[in-house]
Amino acid sequence: SSASNTNTAPTASLHSKIESLKVQLAKSQKELAAVQTQNHTLQQKVGTLEATVASTEREIEAQAAELERAGQEMENIRKTTRDEQDEMIEDHEEELEELQKEHQAELDK
């Protein structure tokens, strides 16, 4: 009878350890599943952020190109305006010279 008690005690102890390990395993599996879910969510967020960054970079590049075009257009307008102004000044000077000649001719009569 004492031999069967000594056999039973280690067996009960082993069953207890096995049950404890099963509980720990189940807990660890739940934690792993939670971490995997978190990881998946974070990967989705990273993907979304990467897409947002890429979109923002494209938008910034498009705006920079538009500013470059607008700056070039303004420079062209300034050049055209300067050229027109120079031409007007030259025409005005020629007209003024003609008027002065006509006036002098009238005075010389």
PDB file of N, CA and C in Angstrom:
ATOM      1  N   SER A   1       0.833  -1.187   0.000  1.00  0.00           N
ATOM      2  CA  SER A   1       0.000   0.000   0.000  1.00  0.00           C
ATOM      3  C   SER A   1       0.872   1.243   0.000  1.00  0.00           C
ATOM      4  N   SER A   2       1.977   1.238   0.766  1.00  0.00           N
ATOM      5  CA  SER A   2       2.864   2.388   0.769  1.00  0.00           C
ATOM      6  C   SER A   2       3.577   2.513  -0.569  1.00  0.00           C
ATOM      7  N   ALA A   3       3.818   1.393  -1.273  1.00  0.00           N
ATOM      8  CA  ALA A   3       4.429   1.443  -2.594  1.00  0.00           C
ATOM      9  C   ALA A   3       3.497   2.108  -3.583  1.00  0.00           C
ATOM     10  N   SER A   4       2.210   1.832  -3.454  1.00  0.00           N
ATOM     11  CA  SER A   4       1.260   2.457  -4.362  1.00  0.00           C
ATOM     12  C   SER A   4       1.116   3.938  -4.035  1.00  0.00           C
ATOM     13  N   ASN A   5       1.277   4.346  -2.783  1.00  0.00           N
ATOM     14  CA  ASN A   5       1.231   5.765  -2.402  1.00  0.00           C
ATOM     15  C   ASN A   5       2.431   6.510  -2.975  1.00  0.00           C
ATOM     16  N   THR A   6       3.595   5.917  -2.952  1.00  0.00           N
ATOM     17  CA  THR A   6       4.780   6.570  -3.480  1.00  0.00           C
ATOM     18  C   THR A   6       4.692   6.663  -4.993  1.00  0.00           C
ATOM     19  N   ASN A   7       4.069   5.670  -5.622  1.00  0.00           N
ATOM     20  CA  ASN A   7       3.846   5.726  -7.061  1.00  0.00           C
ATOM     21  C   ASN A   7       2.830   6.797  -7.405  1.00  0.00           C
ATOM     22  N   THR A   8       1.819   6.938  -6.629  1.00  0.00           N
ATOM     23  CA  THR A   8       0.735   7.883  -6.878  1.00  0.00           C
ATOM     24  C   THR A   8       1.220   9.324  -6.692  1.00  0.00           C
ATOM     25  N   ALA A   9       2.036   9.552  -5.700  1.00  0.00           N
ATOM     26  CA  ALA A   9       2.503  10.907  -5.411  1.00  0.00           C
ATOM     27  C   ALA A   9       3.301  11.484  -6.582  1.00  0.00           C
ATOM     28  N   PRO A  10       4.312  10.748  -7.106  1.00  0.00           N
ATOM     29  CA  PRO A  10       5.021  11.315  -8.244  1.00  0.00           C
ATOM     30  C   PRO A  10       4.109  11.479  -9.453  1.00  0.00           C
ATOM     31  N   THR A  11       3.191  10.544  -9.676  1.00  0.00           N
ATOM     32  CA  THR A  11       2.280  10.640 -10.800  1.00  0.00           C
ATOM     33  C   THR A  11       1.385  11.871 -10.643  1.00  0.00           C
ATOM     34  N   ALA A  12       0.884  12.081  -9.451  1.00  0.00           N
ATOM     35  CA  ALA A  12       0.035  13.257  -9.191  1.00  0.00           C
ATOM     36  C   ALA A  12       0.856  14.529  -9.368  1.00  0.00           C
ATOM     37  N   SER A  13       2.087  14.485  -8.906  1.00  0.00           N
ATOM     38  CA  SER A  13       2.972  15.634  -9.042  1.00  0.00           C
ATOM     39  C   SER A  13       3.252  15.924 -10.516  1.00  0.00           C
ATOM     40  N   LEU A  14       3.485  14.860 -11.295  1.00  0.00           N
ATOM     41  CA  LEU A  14       3.717  15.033 -12.735  1.00  0.00           C
ATOM     42  C   LEU A  14       2.476  15.581 -13.422  1.00  0.00           C
ATOM     43  N   HIS A  15       1.292  15.047 -13.073  1.00  0.00           N
ATOM     44  CA  HIS A  15       0.043  15.547 -13.655  1.00  0.00           C
ATOM     45  C   HIS A  15      -0.147  17.023 -13.320  1.00  0.00           C
ATOM     46  N   SER A  16       0.203  17.383 -12.083  1.00  0.00           N
ATOM     47  CA  SER A  16       0.084  18.777 -11.660  1.00  0.00           C
ATOM     48  C   SER A  16       1.029  19.657 -12.476  1.00  0.00           C
ATOM     49  N   LYS A  17       2.273  19.195 -12.664  1.00  0.00           N
ATOM     50  CA  LYS A  17       3.241  19.948 -13.452  1.00  0.00           C
ATOM     51  C   LYS A  17       2.773  20.079 -14.905  1.00  0.00           C
ATOM     52  N   ILE A  18       2.255  18.974 -15.451  1.00  0.00           N
ATOM     53  CA  ILE A  18       1.759  18.988 -16.836  1.00  0.00           C
ATOM     54  C   ILE A  18       0.617  19.988 -16.970  1.00  0.00           C
ATOM     55  N   GLU A  19      -0.300  19.962 -16.025  1.00  0.00           N
ATOM     56  CA  GLU A  19      -1.429  20.908 -16.060  1.00  0.00           C
ATOM     57  C   GLU A  19      -0.919  22.346 -15.955  1.00  0.00           C
ATOM     58  N   SER A  20       0.043  22.561 -15.092  1.00  0.00           N
ATOM     59  CA  SER A  20       0.621  23.894 -14.931  1.00  0.00           C
ATOM     60  C   SER A  20       1.287  24.340 -16.228  1.00  0.00           C
ATOM     61  N   LEU A  21       2.036  23.424 -16.866  1.00  0.00           N
ATOM     62  CA  LEU A  21       2.689  23.747 -18.134  1.00  0.00           C
ATOM     63  C   LEU A  21       1.667  24.023 -19.235  1.00  0.00           C
ATOM     64  N   LYS A  22       0.563  23.251 -19.227  1.00  0.00           N
ATOM     65  CA  LYS A  22      -0.500  23.483 -20.224  1.00  0.00           C
ATOM     66  C   LYS A  22      -1.104  24.870 -20.041  1.00  0.00           C
ATOM     67  N   VAL A  23      -1.317  25.269 -18.783  1.00  0.00           N
ATOM     68  CA  VAL A  23      -1.867  26.606 -18.496  1.00  0.00           C
ATOM     69  C   VAL A  23      -0.883  27.678 -18.976  1.00  0.00           C
ATOM     70  N   GLN A  24       0.410  27.473 -18.674  1.00  0.00           N
ATOM     71  CA  GLN A  24       1.419  28.435 -19.118  1.00  0.00           C
ATOM     72  C   GLN A  24       1.477  28.493 -20.637  1.00  0.00           C
ATOM     73  N   LEU A  25       1.402  27.329 -21.286  1.00  0.00           N
ATOM     74  CA  LEU A  25       1.410  27.276 -22.747  1.00  0.00           C
ATOM     75  C   LEU A  25       0.216  28.023 -23.326  1.00  0.00           C
ATOM     76  N   ALA A  26      -0.967  27.773 -22.774  1.00  0.00           N
ATOM     77  CA  ALA A  26      -2.173  28.458 -23.262  1.00  0.00           C
ATOM     78  C   ALA A  26      -2.033  29.971 -23.095  1.00  0.00           C
ATOM     79  N   LYS A  27      -1.497  30.398 -21.936  1.00  0.00           N
ATOM     80  CA  LYS A  27      -1.289  31.829 -21.681  1.00  0.00           C
ATOM     81  C   LYS A  27      -0.296  32.400 -22.690  1.00  0.00           C
ATOM     82  N   SER A  28       0.801  31.686 -22.912  1.00  0.00           N
ATOM     83  CA  SER A  28       1.821  32.139 -23.861  1.00  0.00           C
ATOM     84  C   SER A  28       1.257  32.211 -25.275  1.00  0.00           C
ATOM     85  N   GLN A  29       0.424  31.233 -25.645  1.00  0.00           N
ATOM     86  CA  GLN A  29      -0.184  31.246 -26.983  1.00  0.00           C
ATOM     87  C   GLN A  29      -1.112  32.443 -27.143  1.00  0.00           C
ATOM     88  N   LYS A  30      -1.862  32.786 -26.083  1.00  0.00           N
ATOM     89  CA  LYS A  30      -2.735  33.970 -26.141  1.00  0.00           C
ATOM     90  C   LYS A  30      -1.901  35.239 -26.284  1.00  0.00           C
ATOM     91  N   GLU A  31      -0.813  35.319 -25.507  1.00  0.00           N
ATOM     92  CA  GLU A  31       0.068  36.490 -25.590  1.00  0.00           C
ATOM     93  C   GLU A  31       0.680  36.595 -26.986  1.00  0.00           C
ATOM     94  N   LEU A  32       1.101  35.459 -27.540  1.00  0.00           N
ATOM     95  CA  LEU A  32       1.677  35.439 -28.882  1.00  0.00           C
ATOM     96  C   LEU A  32       0.645  35.905 -29.908  1.00  0.00           C
ATOM     97  N   ALA A  33      -0.581  35.416 -29.785  1.00  0.00           N
ATOM     98  CA  ALA A  33      -1.642  35.824 -30.716  1.00  0.00           C
ATOM     99  C   ALA A  33      -1.885  37.332 -30.612  1.00  0.00           C
ATOM    100  N   ALA A  34      -1.873  37.849 -29.380  1.00  0.00           N
ATOM    101  CA  ALA A  34      -2.086  39.292 -29.183  1.00  0.00           C
ATOM    102  C   ALA A  34      -0.941  40.084 -29.810  1.00  0.00           C
ATOM    103  N   VAL A  35       0.299  39.609 -29.620  1.00  0.00           N
ATOM    104  CA  VAL A  35       1.458  40.293 -30.190  1.00  0.00           C
ATOM    105  C   VAL A  35       1.409  40.226 -31.719  1.00  0.00           C
ATOM    106  N   GLN A  36       0.995  39.090 -32.262  1.00  0.00           N
ATOM    107  CA  GLN A  36       0.893  38.960 -33.721  1.00  0.00           C
ATOM    108  C   GLN A  36      -0.162  39.923 -34.270  1.00  0.00           C
ATOM    109  N   THR A  37      -1.271  40.044 -33.554  1.00  0.00           N
ATOM    110  CA  THR A  37      -2.320  40.989 -33.970  1.00  0.00           C
ATOM    111  C   THR A  37      -1.784  42.419 -33.918  1.00  0.00           C
ATOM    112  N   GLN A  38      -1.076  42.736 -32.840  1.00  0.00           N
ATOM    113  CA  GLN A  38      -0.479  44.069 -32.697  1.00  0.00           C
ATOM    114  C   GLN A  38       0.516  44.328 -33.826  1.00  0.00           C
ATOM    115  N   ASN A  39       1.323  43.330 -34.116  1.00  0.00           N
ATOM    116  CA  ASN A  39       2.319  43.439 -35.179  1.00  0.00           C
ATOM    117  C   ASN A  39       1.641  43.697 -36.524  1.00  0.00           C
ATOM    118  N   HIS A  40       0.582  42.966 -36.785  1.00  0.00           N
ATOM    119  CA  HIS A  40      -0.164  43.140 -38.040  1.00  0.00           C
ATOM    120  C   HIS A  40      -0.731  44.557 -38.121  1.00  0.00           C
ATOM    121  N   THR A  41      -1.311  45.029 -37.015  1.00  0.00           N
ATOM    122  CA  THR A  41      -1.873  46.386 -36.977  1.00  0.00           C
ATOM    123  C   THR A  41      -0.780  47.425 -37.215  1.00  0.00           C
ATOM    124  N   LEU A  42       0.375  47.228 -36.564  1.00  0.00           N
ATOM    125  CA  LEU A  42       1.487  48.175 -36.747  1.00  0.00           C
ATOM    126  C   LEU A  42       2.005  48.145 -38.178  1.00  0.00           C
ATOM    127  N   GLN A  43       2.065  46.963 -38.780  1.00  0.00           N
ATOM    128  CA  GLN A  43       2.511  46.869 -40.175  1.00  0.00           C
ATOM    129  C   GLN A  43       1.541  47.613 -41.092  1.00  0.00           C
ATOM    130  N   GLN A  44       0.245  47.498 -40.806  1.00  0.00           N
ATOM    131  CA  GLN A  44      -0.747  48.242 -41.608  1.00  0.00           C
ATOM    132  C   GLN A  44      -0.545  49.740 -41.450  1.00  0.00           C
ATOM    133  N   LYS A  45      -0.305  50.181 -40.202  1.00  0.00           N
ATOM    134  CA  LYS A  45      -0.081  51.608 -39.952  1.00  0.00           C
ATOM    135  C   LYS A  45       1.172  52.091 -40.684  1.00  0.00           C
ATOM    136  N   VAL A  46       2.232  51.285 -40.629  1.00  0.00           N
ATOM    137  CA  VAL A  46       3.472  51.637 -41.327  1.00  0.00           C
ATOM    138  C   VAL A  46       3.206  51.758 -42.824  1.00  0.00           C
ATOM    139  N   GLY A  47       2.454  50.797 -43.368  1.00  0.00           N
ATOM    140  CA  GLY A  47       2.113  50.844 -44.794  1.00  0.00           C
ATOM    141  C   GLY A  47       1.331  52.103 -45.139  1.00  0.00           C
ATOM    142  N   THR A  48       0.384  52.447 -44.296  1.00  0.00           N
ATOM    143  CA  THR A  48      -0.406  53.660 -44.517  1.00  0.00           C
ATOM    144  C   THR A  48       0.473  54.902 -44.446  1.00  0.00           C
ATOM    145  N   LEU A  49       1.361  54.942 -43.445  1.00  0.00           N
ATOM    146  CA  LEU A  49       2.255  56.093 -43.305  1.00  0.00           C
ATOM    147  C   LEU A  49       3.218  56.198 -44.488  1.00  0.00           C
ATOM    148  N   GLU A  50       3.725  55.056 -44.949  1.00  0.00           N
ATOM    149  CA  GLU A  50       4.618  55.086 -46.109  1.00  0.00           C
ATOM    150  C   GLU A  50       3.886  55.609 -47.337  1.00  0.00           C
ATOM    151  N   ALA A  51       2.641  55.182 -47.516  1.00  0.00           N
ATOM    152  CA  ALA A  51       1.845  55.669 -48.655  1.00  0.00           C
ATOM    153  C   ALA A  51       1.592  57.170 -48.525  1.00  0.00           C
ATOM    154  N   THR A  52       1.319  57.625 -47.303  1.00  0.00           N
ATOM    155  CA  THR A  52       1.079  59.047 -47.069  1.00  0.00           C
ATOM    156  C   THR A  52       2.342  59.859 -47.356  1.00  0.00           C
ATOM    157  N   VAL A  53       3.481  59.352 -46.911  1.00  0.00           N
ATOM    158  CA  VAL A  53       4.754  60.042 -47.163  1.00  0.00           C
ATOM    159  C   VAL A  53       5.007  60.127 -48.669  1.00  0.00           C
ATOM    160  N   ALA A  54       4.802  59.014 -49.376  1.00  0.00           N
ATOM    161  CA  ALA A  54       5.036  59.008 -50.826  1.00  0.00           C
ATOM    162  C   ALA A  54       4.105  59.997 -51.526  1.00  0.00           C
ATOM    163  N   SER A  55       2.847  60.016 -51.109  1.00  0.00           N
ATOM    164  CA  SER A  55       1.869  60.933 -51.698  1.00  0.00           C
ATOM    165  C   SER A  55       2.267  62.387 -51.419  1.00  0.00           C
ATOM    166  N   THR A  56       2.685  62.648 -50.188  1.00  0.00           N
ATOM    167  CA  THR A  56       3.092  64.003 -49.817  1.00  0.00           C
ATOM    168  C   THR A  56       4.328  64.430 -50.600  1.00  0.00           C
ATOM    169  N   GLU A  57       5.277  63.504 -50.776  1.00  0.00           N
ATOM    170  CA  GLU A  57       6.473  63.829 -51.557  1.00  0.00           C
ATOM    171  C   GLU A  57       6.107  64.175 -52.998  1.00  0.00           C
ATOM    172  N   ARG A  58       5.177  63.395 -53.585  1.00  0.00           N
ATOM    173  CA  ARG A  58       4.738  63.697 -54.958  1.00  0.00           C
ATOM    174  C   ARG A  58       4.059  65.059 -55.019  1.00  0.00           C
ATOM    175  N   GLU A  59       3.255  65.362 -54.019  1.00  0.00           N
ATOM    176  CA  GLU A  59       2.558  66.655 -53.980  1.00  0.00           C
ATOM    177  C   GLU A  59       3.558  67.805 -53.863  1.00  0.00           C
ATOM    178  N   ILE A  60       4.565  67.630 -53.012  1.00  0.00           N
ATOM    179  CA  ILE A  60       5.595  68.668 -52.839  1.00  0.00           C
ATOM    180  C   ILE A  60       6.368  68.856 -54.140  1.00  0.00           C
ATOM    181  N   GLU A  61       6.701  67.751 -54.800  1.00  0.00           N
ATOM    182  CA  GLU A  61       7.416  67.857 -56.081  1.00  0.00           C
ATOM    183  C   GLU A  61       6.570  68.573 -57.125  1.00  0.00           C
ATOM    184  N   ALA A  62       5.273  68.276 -57.150  1.00  0.00           N
ATOM    185  CA  ALA A  62       4.380  68.935 -58.108  1.00  0.00           C
ATOM    186  C   ALA A  62       4.288  70.434 -57.801  1.00  0.00           C
ATOM    187  N   GLN A  63       4.194  70.774 -56.513  1.00  0.00           N
ATOM    188  CA  GLN A  63       4.132  72.188 -56.137  1.00  0.00           C
ATOM    189  C   GLN A  63       5.435  72.901 -56.478  1.00  0.00           C
ATOM    190  N   ALA A  64       6.555  72.230 -56.255  1.00  0.00           N
ATOM    191  CA  ALA A  64       7.854  72.833 -56.586  1.00  0.00           C
ATOM    192  C   ALA A  64       7.948  73.081 -58.092  1.00  0.00           C
ATOM    193  N   ALA A  65       7.476  72.107 -58.878  1.00  0.00           N
ATOM    194  CA  ALA A  65       7.502  72.274 -60.339  1.00  0.00           C
ATOM    195  C   ALA A  65       6.589  73.430 -60.752  1.00  0.00           C
ATOM    196  N   GLU A  66       5.431  73.536 -60.124  1.00  0.00           N
ATOM    197  CA  GLU A  66       4.495  74.626 -60.435  1.00  0.00           C
ATOM    198  C   GLU A  66       5.111  75.973 -60.070  1.00  0.00           C
ATOM    199  N   LEU A  67       5.769  76.041 -58.921  1.00  0.00           N
ATOM    200  CA  LEU A  67       6.442  77.288 -58.529  1.00  0.00           C
ATOM    201  C   LEU A  67       7.558  77.632 -59.508  1.00  0.00           C
ATOM    202  N   GLU A  68       8.287  76.632 -59.956  1.00  0.00           N
ATOM    203  CA  GLU A  68       9.352  76.852 -60.936  1.00  0.00           C
ATOM    204  C   GLU A  68       8.768  77.418 -62.232  1.00  0.00           C
ATOM    205  N   ARG A  69       7.651  76.812 -62.696  1.00  0.00           N
ATOM    206  CA  ARG A  69       6.993  77.311 -63.921  1.00  0.00           C
ATOM    207  C   ARG A  69       6.490  78.741 -63.726  1.00  0.00           C
ATOM    208  N   ALA A  70       5.877  79.006 -62.573  1.00  0.00           N
ATOM    209  CA  ALA A  70       5.352  80.346 -62.309  1.00  0.00           C
ATOM    210  C   ALA A  70       6.495  81.361 -62.250  1.00  0.00           C
ATOM    211  N   GLY A  71       7.613  80.972 -61.618  1.00  0.00           N
ATOM    212  CA  GLY A  71       8.776  81.868 -61.547  1.00  0.00           C
ATOM    213  C   GLY A  71       9.331  82.158 -62.930  1.00  0.00           C
ATOM    214  N   GLN A  72       9.395  81.136 -63.778  1.00  0.00           N
ATOM    215  CA  GLN A  72       9.892  81.322 -65.146  1.00  0.00           C
ATOM    216  C   GLN A  72       8.955  82.236 -65.935  1.00  0.00           C
ATOM    217  N   GLU A  73       7.650  82.020 -65.742  1.00  0.00           N
ATOM    218  CA  GLU A  73       6.665  82.869 -66.435  1.00  0.00           C
ATOM    219  C   GLU A  73       6.793  84.323 -65.981  1.00  0.00           C
ATOM    220  N   MET A  74       6.978  84.529 -64.666  1.00  0.00           N
ATOM    221  CA  MET A  74       7.145  85.899 -64.162  1.00  0.00           C
ATOM    222  C   MET A  74       8.407  86.529 -64.739  1.00  0.00           C
ATOM    223  N   GLU A  75       9.481  85.746 -64.826  1.00  0.00           N
ATOM    224  CA  GLU A  75      10.729  86.267 -65.398  1.00  0.00           C
ATOM    225  C   GLU A  75      10.521  86.640 -66.861  1.00  0.00           C
ATOM    226  N   ASN A  76       9.790  85.814 -67.612  1.00  0.00           N
ATOM    227  CA  ASN A  76       9.488  86.126 -69.019  1.00  0.00           C
ATOM    228  C   ASN A  76       8.666  87.405 -69.128  1.00  0.00           C
ATOM    229  N   ILE A  77       7.690  87.557 -68.242  1.00  0.00           N
ATOM    230  CA  ILE A  77       6.852  88.769 -68.251  1.00  0.00           C
ATOM    231  C   ILE A  77       7.707  90.000 -67.931  1.00  0.00           C
ATOM    232  N   ARG A  78       8.591  89.874 -66.922  1.00  0.00           N
ATOM    233  CA  ARG A  78       9.478  90.996 -66.578  1.00  0.00           C
ATOM    234  C   ARG A  78      10.362  91.379 -67.761  1.00  0.00           C
ATOM    235  N   LYS A  79      10.917  90.377 -68.433  1.00  0.00           N
ATOM    236  CA  LYS A  79      11.796  90.654 -69.577  1.00  0.00           C
ATOM    237  C   LYS A  79      11.008  91.343 -70.687  1.00  0.00           C
ATOM    238  N   THR A  80       9.815  90.813 -70.981  1.00  0.00           N
ATOM    239  CA  THR A  80       8.971  91.422 -72.024  1.00  0.00           C
ATOM    240  C   THR A  80       8.619  92.850 -71.638  1.00  0.00           C
ATOM    241  N   THR A  81       8.275  93.045 -70.370  1.00  0.00           N
ATOM    242  CA  THR A  81       7.920  94.390 -69.904  1.00  0.00           C
ATOM    243  C   THR A  81       9.116  95.336 -70.017  1.00  0.00           C
ATOM    244  N   ARG A  82      10.304  94.868 -69.628  1.00  0.00           N
ATOM    245  CA  ARG A  82      11.512  95.710 -69.759  1.00  0.00           C
ATOM    246  C   ARG A  82      11.772  96.042 -71.223  1.00  0.00           C
ATOM    247  N   ASP A  83      11.642  95.040 -72.086  1.00  0.00           N
ATOM    248  CA  ASP A  83      11.864  95.273 -73.518  1.00  0.00           C
ATOM    249  C   ASP A  83      10.864  96.290 -74.053  1.00  0.00           C
ATOM    250  N   GLU A  84       9.599  96.139 -73.666  1.00  0.00           N
ATOM    251  CA  GLU A  84       8.569  97.082 -74.123  1.00  0.00           C
ATOM    252  C   GLU A  84       8.839  98.481 -73.575  1.00  0.00           C
ATOM    253  N   GLN A  85       9.252  98.528 -72.304  1.00  0.00           N
ATOM    254  CA  GLN A  85       9.552  99.830 -71.693  1.00  0.00           C
ATOM    255  C   GLN A  85      10.726 100.502 -72.413  1.00  0.00           C
ATOM    256  N   ASP A  86      11.771  99.713 -72.671  1.00  0.00           N
ATOM    257  CA  ASP A  86      12.929 100.263 -73.394  1.00  0.00           C
ATOM    258  C   ASP A  86      12.509 100.787 -74.766  1.00  0.00           C
ATOM    259  N   GLU A  87      11.671 100.044 -75.449  1.00  0.00           N
ATOM    260  CA  GLU A  87      11.198 100.453 -76.775  1.00  0.00           C
ATOM    261  C   GLU A  87      10.377 101.735 -76.681  1.00  0.00           C
ATOM    262  N   MET A  88       9.517 101.813 -75.655  1.00  0.00           N
ATOM    263  CA  MET A  88       8.694 103.019 -75.490  1.00  0.00           C
ATOM    264  C   MET A  88       9.573 104.237 -75.199  1.00  0.00           C
ATOM    265  N   ILE A  89      10.590 104.050 -74.355  1.00  0.00           N
ATOM    266  CA  ILE A  89      11.495 105.159 -74.032  1.00  0.00           C
ATOM    267  C   ILE A  89      12.229 105.617 -75.294  1.00  0.00           C
ATOM    268  N   GLU A  90      12.688 104.636 -76.073  1.00  0.00           N
ATOM    269  CA  GLU A  90      13.387 104.957 -77.314  1.00  0.00           C
ATOM    270  C   GLU A  90      12.459 105.712 -78.269  1.00  0.00           C
ATOM    271  N   ASP A  91      11.221 105.229 -78.429  1.00  0.00           N
ATOM    272  CA  ASP A  91      10.250 105.917 -79.284  1.00  0.00           C
ATOM    273  C   ASP A  91       9.988 107.326 -78.773  1.00  0.00           C
ATOM    274  N   HIS A  92       9.836 107.451 -77.462  1.00  0.00           N
ATOM    275  CA  HIS A  92       9.567 108.765 -76.864  1.00  0.00           C
ATOM    276  C   HIS A  92      10.734 109.724 -77.123  1.00  0.00           C
ATOM    277  N   GLU A  93      11.955 109.211 -76.965  1.00  0.00           N
ATOM    278  CA  GLU A  93      13.134 110.049 -77.203  1.00  0.00           C
ATOM    279  C   GLU A  93      13.200 110.490 -78.665  1.00  0.00           C
ATOM    280  N   GLU A  94      12.859 109.575 -79.589  1.00  0.00           N
ATOM    281  CA  GLU A  94      12.860 109.924 -81.015  1.00  0.00           C
ATOM    282  C   GLU A  94      11.800 110.975 -81.311  1.00  0.00           C
ATOM    283  N   GLU A  95      10.599 110.802 -80.725  1.00  0.00           N
ATOM    284  CA  GLU A  95       9.524 111.779 -80.940  1.00  0.00           C
ATOM    285  C   GLU A  95       9.908 113.138 -80.363  1.00  0.00           C
ATOM    286  N   LEU A  96      10.522 113.106 -79.178  1.00  0.00           N
ATOM    287  CA  LEU A  96      10.951 114.349 -78.538  1.00  0.00           C
ATOM    288  C   LEU A  96      11.998 115.059 -79.406  1.00  0.00           C
ATOM    289  N   GLU A  97      12.919 114.283 -79.938  1.00  0.00           N
ATOM    290  CA  GLU A  97      13.955 114.842 -80.816  1.00  0.00           C
ATOM    291  C   GLU A  97      13.315 115.464 -82.066  1.00  0.00           C
ATOM    292  N   GLU A  98      12.342 114.769 -82.656  1.00  0.00           N
ATOM    293  CA  GLU A  98      11.632 115.285 -83.835  1.00  0.00           C
ATOM    294  C   GLU A  98      10.926 116.602 -83.497  1.00  0.00           C
ATOM    295  N   LEU A  99      10.236 116.595 -82.315  1.00  0.00           N
ATOM    296  CA  LEU A  99       9.530 117.813 -81.908  1.00  0.00           C
ATOM    297  C   LEU A  99      10.505 118.977 -81.702  1.00  0.00           C
ATOM    298  N   GLN A 100      11.657 118.673 -81.096  1.00  0.00           N
ATOM    299  CA  GLN A 100      12.655 119.728 -80.881  1.00  0.00           C
ATOM    300  C   GLN A 100      13.165 120.266 -82.217  1.00  0.00           C
ATOM    301  N   LYS A 101      13.381 119.355 -83.198  1.00  0.00           N
ATOM    302  CA  LYS A 101      13.839 119.787 -84.534  1.00  0.00           C
ATOM    303  C   LYS A 101      12.770 120.659 -85.188  1.00  0.00           C
ATOM    304  N   GLU A 102      11.502 120.196 -85.096  1.00  0.00           N
ATOM    305  CA  GLU A 102      10.399 120.976 -85.695  1.00  0.00           C
ATOM    306  C   GLU A 102      10.290 122.345 -85.033  1.00  0.00           C
ATOM    307  N   HIS A 103      10.421 122.355 -83.721  1.00  0.00           N
ATOM    308  CA  HIS A 103      10.328 123.602 -82.985  1.00  0.00           C
ATOM    309  C   HIS A 103      11.469 124.550 -83.389  1.00  0.00           C
ATOM    310  N   GLN A 104      12.678 124.008 -83.492  1.00  0.00           N
ATOM    311  CA  GLN A 104      13.833 124.813 -83.894  1.00  0.00           C
ATOM    312  C   GLN A 104      13.628 125.330 -85.320  1.00  0.00           C
ATOM    313  N   ALA A 105      13.082 124.467 -86.184  1.00  0.00           N
ATOM    314  CA  ALA A 105      12.828 124.894 -87.567  1.00  0.00           C
ATOM    315  C   ALA A 105      11.823 126.035 -87.586  1.00  0.00           C
ATOM    316  N   GLU A 106      10.825 125.969 -86.743  1.00  0.00           N
ATOM    317  CA  GLU A 106       9.822 127.050 -86.680  1.00  0.00           C
ATOM    318  C   GLU A 106      10.481 128.342 -86.173  1.00  0.00           C
ATOM    319  N   LEU A 107      11.369 128.182 -85.195  1.00  0.00           N
ATOM    320  CA  LEU A 107      12.046 129.361 -84.654  1.00  0.00           C
ATOM    321  C   LEU A 107      12.992 129.997 -85.670  1.00  0.00           C
ATOM    322  N   ASP A 108      13.597 129.114 -86.517  1.00  0.00           N
ATOM    323  CA  ASP A 108      14.567 129.600 -87.503  1.00  0.00           C
ATOM    324  C   ASP A 108      13.876 130.305 -88.660  1.00  0.00           C
ATOM    325  N   LYS A 109      12.597 130.181 -88.847  1.00  0.00           N
ATOM    326  CA  LYS A 109      11.901 130.817 -89.967  1.00  0.00           C
ATOM    327  C   LYS A 109      11.844 132.290 -89.845  1.00  0.00           C
TER     328      LYS A 109
END
